[in-house]
């Protein structure tokens, strides 16, 4: 076990329920932050666009998604 300060705890990404690590990370992003998702981090058959669309609809979080030629995606939180 380890004791943490409030600042250390706030910087950690916490999973809610059975959400994936990628979804939890994306939900904790601040406006202007960019996340690179590697193909081995994403287990679904389609890209993360569908998940990000659901987050926009349910939580009002807006993201921009770009596909990287070498594989993976760049996700930027817009608002």
Protein backbone atom coordinates (compact mmCIF):
# COMPACT_ATOMS: atom_id res chain seq x y z
CA UNK A 1 0.00 0.00 0.00
CA UNK A 2 1.01 3.57 -0.53
CA UNK A 3 -0.36 6.87 0.76
CA UNK A 4 -1.02 9.53 -1.86
CA UNK A 5 -1.59 13.25 -1.82
CA UNK A 6 -4.76 14.66 -3.37
CA UNK A 7 -2.75 15.94 -6.35
CA UNK A 8 -1.25 12.49 -7.03
CA UNK A 9 -4.66 10.85 -6.80
CA UNK A 10 -6.24 13.38 -9.17
CA UNK A 11 -3.57 12.68 -11.83
CA UNK A 12 -4.38 8.96 -11.86
CA UNK A 13 -6.83 7.51 -14.37
CA UNK A 14 -9.60 5.58 -12.66
CA UNK A 15 -11.84 3.00 -14.31
CA UNK A 16 -15.58 3.34 -13.83
CA UNK A 17 -17.38 0.01 -13.82
CA UNK A 18 -16.25 -2.29 -16.61
CA UNK A 19 -15.03 0.45 -18.96
CA UNK A 20 -11.85 -0.14 -20.93
CA UNK A 21 -8.55 1.55 -20.13
CA UNK A 22 -8.80 3.58 -23.35
CA UNK A 23 -12.31 4.82 -22.53
CA UNK A 24 -11.30 5.76 -19.00
CA UNK A 25 -8.25 7.64 -20.28
CA UNK A 26 -10.28 9.49 -22.92
CA UNK A 27 -12.94 10.49 -20.38
CA UNK A 28 -10.26 12.03 -18.14
CA UNK A 29 -8.62 14.08 -20.91
CA UNK A 30 -8.57 17.87 -20.64
CA UNK A 31 -9.48 20.18 -23.55
CA UNK A 32 -6.51 20.43 -25.93
CA UNK A 33 -4.88 17.16 -24.86
CA UNK A 34 -3.98 14.63 -27.54
CA UNK A 35 -3.84 10.86 -27.02
CA UNK A 36 -2.23 8.34 -29.34
CA UNK A 37 -4.03 5.00 -29.34
CA UNK A 38 -1.91 2.10 -30.57
CA UNK A 39 -3.61 -0.78 -32.44
CA UNK A 40 -2.70 -3.24 -29.67
CA UNK A 41 -4.48 -0.96 -27.14
CA UNK A 42 -7.73 -1.17 -29.12
CA UNK A 43 -9.47 -4.56 -29.08
CA UNK A 44 -12.61 -3.72 -31.09
CA UNK A 45 -13.01 -4.50 -34.79
CA UNK A 46 -13.80 -0.87 -35.69
CA UNK A 47 -11.84 2.22 -34.65
CA UNK A 48 -12.58 4.41 -31.61
CA UNK A 49 -14.85 6.80 -33.53
CA UNK A 50 -18.04 5.02 -32.44
CA UNK A 51 -17.06 5.13 -28.76
CA UNK A 52 -16.17 8.83 -29.04
CA UNK A 53 -19.51 9.54 -30.68
CA UNK A 54 -21.29 7.88 -27.75
CA UNK A 55 -19.27 10.00 -25.30
CA UNK A 56 -20.36 13.12 -27.18
CA UNK A 57 -24.00 12.05 -27.05
CA UNK A 58 -24.04 10.96 -23.41
CA UNK A 59 -21.49 13.29 -21.77
CA UNK A 60 -21.12 16.22 -24.19
CA UNK A 61 -17.40 15.57 -24.71
CA UNK A 62 -16.23 16.46 -28.24
CA UNK A 63 -13.19 14.79 -29.82
CA UNK A 64 -11.35 14.89 -33.13
CA UNK A 65 -10.03 11.55 -34.42
CA UNK A 66 -7.30 11.07 -37.00
CA UNK A 67 -6.00 7.75 -38.32
CA UNK A 68 -2.21 7.32 -38.27
CA UNK A 69 -0.78 5.73 -41.44
CA UNK A 70 1.54 3.46 -39.49
CA UNK A 71 -1.43 2.22 -37.43
CA UNK A 72 -3.45 3.58 -34.59
CA UNK A 73 -5.29 6.83 -33.98
CA UNK A 74 -4.76 10.34 -32.63
CA UNK A 75 -7.58 11.60 -30.44
CA UNK A 76 -7.79 15.27 -29.51
CA UNK A 77 -10.28 16.62 -26.99
CA UNK A 78 -11.92 19.68 -28.53
CA UNK A 79 -14.45 20.58 -25.85
